[in-house]
Amino acid sequence: MPSSSASSVGLSFQPDRPAGGYGARGGRKRRSWREGRWEPSLSLSRSRLPGRRGERVPLAGLALGGVTSSLGKHNFQQPHGMLLRCHLKRALPQKVSCRFCAVMGKLQSKLKHSTYKYSRPDGFRDERIQTKAFQEYSPAHVDTVSVVAALNSDLCVSGGKDKTVVAYNWRTGNVVKRLKGHEREITKIACIHKSGQFFSASRDKTVMMWDLQGSSQPRQQFSGHTMVVTGLAVSPDTSQLCTGSRDNTLLLWDVGTGQCAERASVSRNLVTHLCWVPREPYILQTSEDKTIRLWDSRGLQVAHIFPAKQHIQTYCEVSEDGHKCISCSSGFGGEGCEATLWDIRQTRNRICEYEGHFQTVASCVFLPRALALMPVIATSSHDCKVKIWNQDSGGRPVSCQTSQCLV
């Protein structure tokens, strides 16, 4: 088929039921290409396609006269017994040899680079965003980076599977300090802002306190959990540290002495994240039992349980004023995969939800007001997207960025 015909034929597919039998009969009257129009209604039955009768043929495997069909504007589901009707739109008057063929899986490699746009359940089409060139520094870790946190305006602290904690200047890319002491992967990091002190949790069941101005050895070590530590939260006055684990327990520590002051255990409370409420004695906690709990550090008792969600809660964050909190959940294919904004002071009910990711949402944060004219929330997901949301509405995100370095 001549290549010129490919640009003159417009294709659109829609599911339809047979009205008058299978095959290409019963369609509208055909018109000649010499008249400048061609608008037949052709129905393809499975029996006319190559292969065994009744065998399912994927839409991505259909080609018309050598022209590969574009599925960009629609998502299709072909129930049993449904046919496909193909409409040829107005094209230039020229002679075109038209034939149907079925290509079983042959086009998958050709479509692989672009099908990410059309696999979304709501049909929402994302465009690739071209970003400017960015500065890339030498790697700080030799293995997977598990967690990163901001120590101050210039320094970041990260931990990974290489069992090391690294403090580096993100403006210059220089490693300030490399700290070793854990025996297994680093899982969480909590920083004491406007200071050189921070905490690291690990799969070796311990938590260590570090000081950039001190030696390379940990300033304090906290051992008390029987499984991996998955939650860290520092009190506003930095005198207490709360840790959570997959062993269903929360421990409250005295930072100065390294002694455990309180211990609480709840059945099936596999902690995923901890966050201390600013200027309050409360600790927010998410769990694999799909529950969000608010703990009172005075005695380490549960002060409130938020309405249960349908999926595992993976992360939580409290706003700077302490009035609101946000949590996010696991999921797949758009089911779950949302962030939820909660009222933490008054009714303690759900305010709104932010839906738009298509895989587990790994983290959610309140962005500083100085970065935008409106209060905004950022979410990151396993679908390789970072979305920025208007905090006051649960609609579409303000902006969306693929997982590329922006610095």
Protein backbone atom coordinates (compact mmCIF):
# COMPACT_ATOMS: atom_id res chain seq x y z
CA MET A 1 0.00 0.00 0.00
CA PRO A 2 1.50 3.41 -0.89
CA SER A 3 2.72 5.45 2.03
CA SER A 4 0.77 8.49 0.82
CA SER A 5 -2.51 6.75 1.62
CA ALA A 6 -1.57 6.45 5.27
CA SER A 7 -1.87 10.19 5.83
CA SER A 8 -5.21 10.49 4.05
CA VAL A 9 -7.20 7.87 5.95
CA GLY A 10 -8.68 8.71 9.37
CA LEU A 11 -9.69 5.76 11.56
CA SER A 12 -11.98 5.51 14.56
CA PHE A 13 -13.12 2.29 16.23
CA GLN A 14 -16.24 1.77 18.30
CA PRO A 15 -17.88 -1.39 19.64
CA ASP A 16 -21.21 -2.34 18.06
CA ARG A 17 -23.58 -5.30 17.95
CA PRO A 18 -24.28 -7.06 14.68
CA ALA A 19 -27.49 -5.83 13.05
CA GLY A 20 -28.21 -8.12 10.19
CA GLY A 21 -25.64 -10.84 10.40
CA TYR A 22 -21.91 -11.13 10.44
CA GLY A 23 -19.55 -9.89 7.82
CA ALA A 24 -19.48 -6.74 5.70
CA ARG A 25 -23.05 -6.98 4.36
CA GLY A 26 -25.80 -4.84 5.79
CA GLY A 27 -23.62 -1.75 6.00
CA ARG A 28 -24.51 1.58 4.47
CA LYS A 29 -24.28 2.08 0.74
CA ARG A 30 -20.75 2.34 -0.48
CA ARG A 31 -19.58 5.39 -2.35
CA SER A 32 -16.73 5.60 -4.80
CA TRP A 33 -13.39 7.09 -3.91
CA ARG A 34 -13.72 9.12 -7.10
CA GLU A 35 -16.51 11.13 -5.42
CA GLY A 36 -14.11 12.18 -2.70
CA ARG A 37 -15.85 10.26 0.09
CA TRP A 38 -15.78 6.74 1.42
CA GLU A 39 -18.12 6.03 4.35
CA PRO A 40 -18.94 2.32 4.48
CA SER A 41 -19.89 0.62 7.73
CA LEU A 42 -17.93 -2.60 7.88
CA SER A 43 -18.42 -5.22 10.59
CA LEU A 44 -15.67 -7.69 11.29
CA SER A 45 -16.68 -10.98 12.84
CA ARG A 46 -14.26 -13.23 14.60
CA SER A 47 -14.98 -15.98 12.10
CA ARG A 48 -13.50 -13.84 9.32
CA LEU A 49 -10.23 -13.28 11.13
CA PRO A 50 -7.34 -15.72 10.91
CA GLY A 51 -7.23 -18.26 13.68
CA ARG A 52 -9.77 -20.52 15.27
CA ARG A 53 -13.43 -19.60 15.50
CA GLY A 54 -14.32 -17.81 18.69
CA GLU A 55 -10.73 -16.81 19.39
CA ARG A 56 -10.28 -13.31 20.90
CA VAL A 57 -8.33 -10.87 18.75
CA PRO A 58 -6.84 -7.83 20.51
CA LEU A 59 -7.64 -4.39 19.14
CA ALA A 60 -3.97 -3.51 19.03
CA GLY A 61 -3.54 -6.25 16.46
CA LEU A 62 -5.80 -4.74 13.76
CA ALA A 63 -4.40 -2.96 10.72
CA LEU A 64 -6.25 -1.46 7.76
CA GLY A 65 -4.63 -1.64 4.36
CA GLY A 66 -1.20 -1.52 5.92
CA VAL A 67 -2.11 1.52 8.06
CA THR A 68 -1.65 0.84 11.75
CA SER A 69 -4.70 1.90 13.78
CA SER A 70 -4.24 4.54 16.47
CA LEU A 71 -5.99 3.82 19.78
CA GLY A 72 -5.10 7.13 21.35
CA LYS A 73 -8.52 8.56 22.13
CA HIS A 74 -10.40 5.56 23.45
CA ASN A 75 -10.14 2.62 25.81
CA PHE A 76 -11.88 -0.50 24.54
CA GLN A 77 -13.29 -3.59 26.13
CA GLN A 78 -14.65 -6.19 23.75
CA PRO A 79 -17.26 -8.37 25.49
CA HIS A 80 -18.11 -11.76 24.07
CA GLY A 81 -20.25 -11.52 20.96
CA MET A 82 -19.43 -7.89 20.15
CA LEU A 83 -18.11 -6.81 16.77
CA LEU A 84 -16.01 -3.94 15.63
CA ARG A 85 -17.35 -1.34 13.23
CA CYS A 86 -14.83 0.72 11.35
CA HIS A 87 -15.69 4.11 9.83
CA LEU A 88 -13.44 5.62 7.20
CA LYS A 89 -13.65 9.40 7.40
CA ARG A 90 -13.45 11.83 4.50
CA ALA A 91 -10.17 11.54 2.61
CA LEU A 92 -8.60 12.81 -0.59
CA PRO A 93 -9.98 11.28 -3.81
CA GLN A 94 -7.40 8.72 -4.74
CA LYS A 95 -7.28 5.04 -5.40
CA VAL A 96 -6.61 3.06 -2.27
CA SER A 97 -6.52 -0.71 -2.00
CA CYS A 98 -8.27 -1.54 1.26
CA ARG A 99 -7.83 -4.85 2.99
CA PHE A 100 -8.17 -6.10 6.54
CA CYS A 101 -5.69 -8.27 8.30
CA ALA A 102 -5.18 -9.37 11.86
CA VAL A 103 -1.80 -9.11 13.44
CA MET A 104 -1.71 -11.17 16.62
CA GLY A 105 0.70 -9.41 18.94
CA LYS A 106 3.01 -8.33 16.12
CA LEU A 107 2.44 -4.64 16.79
CA GLN A 108 3.05 -4.80 20.52
CA SER A 109 6.71 -3.87 20.24
CA LYS A 110 5.81 -0.93 17.99
CA LEU A 111 3.17 0.37 20.38
CA LYS A 112 5.18 -0.20 23.54
CA HIS A 113 6.75 3.24 23.52
CA SER A 114 3.43 5.09 23.49
CA THR A 115 0.80 2.88 25.09
CA TYR A 116 1.48 4.40 28.52
CA LYS A 117 -0.72 7.28 27.39
CA TYR A 118 -3.75 5.10 26.81
CA SER A 119 -3.66 2.57 29.64
CA ARG A 120 -5.38 4.87 32.14
CA PRO A 121 -8.86 3.73 33.21
CA ASP A 122 -10.39 7.21 32.85
CA GLY A 123 -8.94 7.82 29.42
CA PHE A 124 -6.92 10.76 30.68
CA ARG A 125 -4.07 11.47 28.32
CA ASP A 126 -0.72 12.55 29.72
CA GLU A 127 1.89 14.24 27.61
CA ARG A 128 5.59 13.86 28.09
CA ILE A 129 7.09 17.00 29.59
CA GLN A 130 10.42 18.05 28.19
CA THR A 131 12.63 19.46 30.92
CA LYS A 132 15.75 21.51 30.65
CA ALA A 133 19.15 19.97 31.15
CA PHE A 134 20.00 19.40 34.79
CA GLN A 135 23.18 19.16 36.78
CA GLU A 136 24.08 15.61 37.74
CA TYR A 137 26.50 14.89 40.58
CA SER A 138 28.43 11.79 41.51
CA PRO A 139 26.29 9.15 43.28
CA ALA A 140 26.25 9.40 47.07
CA HIS A 141 25.25 5.72 47.45
CA VAL A 142 26.36 2.54 45.73
CA ASP A 143 22.93 0.90 46.01
CA THR A 144 19.24 1.79 46.15
CA VAL A 145 18.41 5.02 48.00
CA SER A 146 15.52 4.26 50.35
CA VAL A 147 14.82 7.60 52.00
CA VAL A 148 15.87 11.25 51.92
CA ALA A 149 15.10 14.15 54.26
CA ALA A 150 16.00 17.84 54.50
CA LEU A 151 18.27 18.83 57.37
CA ASN A 152 18.33 22.55 56.51
CA SER A 153 18.12 24.78 53.45
CA ASP A 154 21.40 23.44 52.03
CA LEU A 155 21.87 19.95 53.41
CA CYS A 156 20.02 16.70 52.74
CA VAL A 157 20.38 13.36 54.51
CA SER A 158 19.77 10.09 52.70
CA GLY A 159 19.94 6.40 53.52
CA GLY A 160 19.86 3.30 51.40
CA LYS A 161 20.45 -0.38 50.96
CA ASP A 162 24.20 0.12 51.25
CA LYS A 163 23.64 0.55 55.04
CA THR A 164 25.11 4.05 55.01
CA VAL A 165 23.72 7.47 55.92
CA VAL A 166 25.01 10.34 53.79
CA ALA A 167 24.75 14.08 54.46
CA TYR A 168 25.43 16.17 51.36
CA ASN A 169 25.04 19.67 50.05
CA TRP A 170 22.49 19.53 47.26
CA ARG A 171 23.60 22.90 45.87
CA THR A 172 27.20 21.85 45.27
CA GLY A 173 26.84 18.06 45.23
CA ASN A 174 29.57 17.67 47.85
CA VAL A 175 29.28 14.89 50.42
CA VAL A 176 29.54 16.49 53.86
CA LYS A 177 29.69 13.28 55.85
CA ARG A 178 29.28 9.56 55.29
CA LEU A 179 28.12 7.64 58.36
CA LYS A 180 28.25 3.88 58.91
CA GLY A 181 26.87 1.92 61.84
CA HIS A 182 23.77 0.03 60.75
CA GLU A 183 23.99 -3.59 59.74
CA ARG A 184 21.10 -3.55 57.29
CA GLU A 185 19.15 -1.23 54.97
CA ILE A 186 18.14 2.26 56.16
CA THR A 187 14.33 2.63 56.23
CA LYS A 188 13.55 6.05 57.75
CA ILE A 189 15.31 9.32 58.58
CA ALA A 190 14.05 12.08 60.90
CA CYS A 191 15.89 15.39 61.20
CA ILE A 192 16.02 17.98 63.95
CA HIS A 193 15.69 21.15 61.88
CA LYS A 194 18.09 24.05 62.30
CA SER A 195 20.63 21.72 63.84
CA GLY A 196 23.14 19.13 62.74
CA GLN A 197 21.38 16.23 64.45
CA PHE A 198 19.19 13.54 62.91
CA PHE A 199 18.01 9.95 63.45
CA SER A 200 18.13 6.90 61.19
CA ALA A 201 16.09 3.70 61.43
CA SER A 202 17.05 0.40 59.88
CA ARG A 203 15.98 -3.11 59.13
CA ASP A 204 18.47 -4.18 61.79
CA LYS A 205 15.75 -3.20 64.36
CA THR A 206 17.71 -0.24 65.73
CA VAL A 207 17.61 3.55 65.58
CA MET A 208 20.74 5.70 65.72
CA MET A 209 21.23 9.38 66.48
CA TRP A 210 23.92 11.26 64.53
CA ASP A 211 25.56 14.67 64.88
CA LEU A 212 27.34 16.30 61.93
CA GLN A 213 29.48 18.36 64.27
CA GLY A 214 30.50 15.28 66.23
CA SER A 215 32.39 12.12 65.39
CA SER A 216 31.47 9.55 62.76
CA GLN A 217 30.12 7.28 65.48
CA PRO A 218 26.43 7.44 66.51
CA ARG A 219 25.74 9.79 69.39
CA GLN A 220 22.97 7.54 70.73
CA GLN A 221 21.55 4.11 69.88
CA PHE A 222 17.98 2.98 70.56
CA SER A 223 17.33 -0.77 70.64
CA GLY A 224 13.99 -2.23 71.69
CA HIS A 225 12.02 -3.39 68.65
CA THR A 226 11.93 -7.00 67.53
CA MET A 227 11.34 -6.25 63.84
CA VAL A 228 12.27 -3.64 61.24
CA VAL A 229 11.75 -0.03 62.39
CA THR A 230 9.36 1.70 59.98
CA GLY A 231 8.44 4.92 61.78
CA LEU A 232 10.34 7.86 63.31
CA ALA A 233 8.99 11.08 64.85
CA VAL A 234 10.81 13.72 66.89
CA SER A 235 8.93 15.87 69.41
CA PRO A 236 8.80 19.66 68.76
CA ASP A 237 11.13 20.31 71.70
CA THR A 238 13.47 17.52 70.47
CA SER A 239 13.46 15.88 73.92
CA GLN A 240 11.53 12.77 72.86
CA LEU A 241 11.65 10.32 70.00
CA CYS A 242 8.80 8.00 68.98
CA THR A 243 9.56 4.89 66.96
CA GLY A 244 7.23 2.38 65.32
CA SER A 245 7.80 -1.06 63.88
CA ARG A 246 6.23 -4.01 62.14
CA ASP A 247 6.19 -5.71 65.53
CA ASN A 248 2.91 -3.78 66.21
CA THR A 249 4.53 -1.56 68.84
CA LEU A 250 5.29 2.11 69.43
CA LEU A 251 8.14 3.11 71.75
CA LEU A 252 8.69 6.55 73.28
CA TRP A 253 12.33 7.37 74.04
CA ASP A 254 14.16 9.97 76.08
CA VAL A 255 16.63 11.45 73.60
CA GLY A 256 19.08 12.57 76.25
CA THR A 257 19.45 9.24 78.04
CA GLY A 258 18.47 6.81 75.28
CA GLN A 259 16.06 5.05 77.65
CA CYS A 260 12.57 3.83 76.67
CA ALA A 261 9.97 5.82 78.63
CA GLU A 262 6.72 4.37 77.26
CA ARG A 263 5.63 1.33 75.27
CA ALA A 264 2.33 0.63 73.51
CA SER A 265 1.19 -2.33 71.43
CA VAL A 266 -1.89 -2.77 69.24
CA SER A 267 -2.70 -6.03 67.47
CA ARG A 268 -2.06 -5.95 63.71
CA ASN A 269 -0.80 -2.37 63.93
CA LEU A 270 2.06 -2.71 61.44
CA VAL A 271 3.39 0.83 61.47
CA THR A 272 4.19 2.43 58.10
CA HIS A 273 4.91 6.02 59.15
CA LEU A 274 4.94 8.41 62.12
CA CYS A 275 4.65 12.19 62.27
CA TRP A 276 4.62 14.49 65.32
CA VAL A 277 1.97 17.25 65.37
CA PRO A 278 3.68 20.68 65.65
CA ARG A 279 3.34 22.36 69.06
CA GLU A 280 1.18 19.49 70.32
CA PRO A 281 1.83 16.31 72.37
CA TYR A 282 0.23 14.18 69.64
CA ILE A 283 1.70 11.70 67.16
CA LEU A 284 0.03 10.73 63.88
CA GLN A 285 0.53 7.17 62.69
CA THR A 286 -0.42 5.15 59.59
CA SER A 287 -0.61 1.37 59.49
CA GLU A 288 -0.98 -1.64 57.24
CA ASP A 289 -4.29 -2.39 58.94
CA LYS A 290 -5.69 0.56 56.88
CA THR A 291 -6.07 2.67 60.03
CA ILE A 292 -4.82 6.16 60.92
CA ARG A 293 -4.30 6.69 64.64
CA LEU A 294 -3.62 9.79 66.71
CA TRP A 295 -1.54 9.04 69.80
CA ASP A 296 -1.17 11.12 72.95
CA SER A 297 2.50 11.05 73.97
CA ARG A 298 1.50 11.63 77.60
CA GLY A 299 1.21 7.96 78.47
CA LEU A 300 1.30 6.86 74.82
CA GLN A 301 -2.43 6.20 74.53
CA VAL A 302 -4.62 6.24 71.40
CA ALA A 303 -6.44 9.60 71.41
CA HIS A 304 -8.40 9.17 68.17
CA ILE A 305 -8.89 6.69 65.32
CA PHE A 306 -9.84 8.15 61.94
CA PRO A 307 -12.45 6.38 59.77
CA ALA A 308 -10.90 3.26 58.27
CA LYS A 309 -9.83 3.31 54.64
CA GLN A 310 -10.08 0.56 52.04
CA HIS A 311 -6.36 0.22 51.42
CA ILE A 312 -3.08 0.17 53.34
CA GLN A 313 -2.06 3.64 54.52
CA THR A 314 1.55 4.19 53.48
CA TYR A 315 2.47 7.69 54.67
CA CYS A 316 1.22 10.70 56.65
CA GLU A 317 2.11 14.35 57.12
CA VAL A 318 0.83 17.19 59.32
CA SER A 319 0.53 20.81 58.17
CA GLU A 320 2.75 23.46 59.75
CA ASP A 321 -0.16 24.99 61.67
CA GLY A 322 -1.17 21.56 63.01
CA HIS A 323 -4.78 21.95 61.81
CA LYS A 324 -4.77 19.40 58.99
CA CYS A 325 -3.09 16.16 58.09
CA ILE A 326 -2.80 14.12 54.93
CA SER A 327 -2.38 10.40 54.38
CA CYS A 328 -1.96 8.27 51.25
CA SER A 329 -2.76 4.70 50.36
CA SER A 330 -1.64 1.74 48.34
CA GLY A 331 -3.51 0.48 45.30
CA PHE A 332 -3.29 -0.58 41.67
CA GLY A 333 -4.88 0.49 38.41
CA GLY A 334 -6.48 3.57 39.94
CA GLU A 335 -8.21 1.60 42.70
CA GLY A 336 -7.11 3.19 45.95
CA CYS A 337 -3.97 5.15 45.05
CA GLU A 338 -5.35 8.34 46.61
CA ALA A 339 -4.31 10.94 49.15
CA THR A 340 -6.79 12.04 51.82
CA LEU A 341 -6.93 15.36 53.66
CA TRP A 342 -8.19 15.19 57.25
CA ASP A 343 -9.29 17.72 59.86
CA ILE A 344 -7.04 17.03 62.83
CA ARG A 345 -8.39 19.54 65.37
CA GLN A 346 -12.16 19.97 65.15
CA THR A 347 -14.41 17.26 63.66
CA ARG A 348 -11.42 15.09 62.69
CA ASN A 349 -13.31 13.99 59.60
CA ARG A 350 -12.21 13.62 56.01
CA ILE A 351 -12.12 16.93 54.13
CA CYS A 352 -11.39 15.75 50.58
CA GLU A 353 -9.51 13.19 48.52
CA TYR A 354 -7.00 13.61 45.71
CA GLU A 355 -7.46 10.92 43.08
CA GLY A 356 -5.38 10.64 39.94
CA HIS A 357 -2.51 8.25 40.52
CA PHE A 358 -2.71 4.72 39.12
CA GLN A 359 -0.40 2.89 41.48
CA THR A 360 0.49 3.05 45.18
CA VAL A 361 1.05 6.57 46.49
CA ALA A 362 4.32 6.35 48.40
CA SER A 363 4.39 9.77 50.07
CA CYS A 364 2.48 13.04 50.45
CA VAL A 365 3.63 16.41 51.81
CA PHE A 366 2.37 19.94 52.40
CA LEU A 367 4.46 22.34 50.33
CA PRO A 368 5.48 25.71 51.85
CA ARG A 369 3.12 28.56 51.03
CA ALA A 370 6.05 30.57 49.69
CA LEU A 371 6.21 28.24 46.68
CA ALA A 372 2.67 28.93 45.43
CA LEU A 373 -0.16 31.45 45.64
CA MET A 374 -2.47 28.75 46.96
CA PRO A 375 -1.99 26.02 49.58
CA VAL A 376 -0.69 22.99 47.69
CA ILE A 377 0.03 19.33 48.35
CA ALA A 378 2.55 17.10 46.57
CA THR A 379 2.15 13.35 46.10
CA SER A 380 4.57 10.81 44.65
CA SER A 381 3.57 7.40 43.37
CA HIS A 382 4.91 4.12 42.03
CA ASP A 383 3.42 5.17 38.66
CA CYS A 384 6.51 7.42 38.26
CA LYS A 385 4.50 10.60 38.74
CA VAL A 386 4.74 13.52 41.12
CA LYS A 387 1.52 15.50 41.26
CA ILE A 388 0.90 18.94 42.76
CA TRP A 389 -2.65 19.50 44.07
CA ASN A 390 -4.64 22.52 45.14
CA GLN A 391 -5.23 21.75 48.81
CA ASP A 392 -8.70 23.33 48.79
CA SER A 393 -10.10 21.12 46.04
CA GLY A 394 -10.02 17.42 45.28
CA GLY A 395 -10.11 17.87 41.49
CA ARG A 396 -7.40 17.39 38.91
CA PRO A 397 -3.85 18.21 39.95
CA VAL A 398 -2.39 21.65 39.36
CA SER A 399 0.62 20.10 37.64
CA CYS A 400 2.09 16.71 36.95
CA GLN A 401 5.69 15.70 36.40
CA THR A 402 7.26 12.42 35.42
CA SER A 403 10.10 11.06 37.51
CA GLN A 404 12.91 13.24 36.20
CA CYS A 405 15.43 15.31 38.09
CA LEU A 406 14.41 18.96 38.16
CA VAL A 407 17.52 20.38 39.80
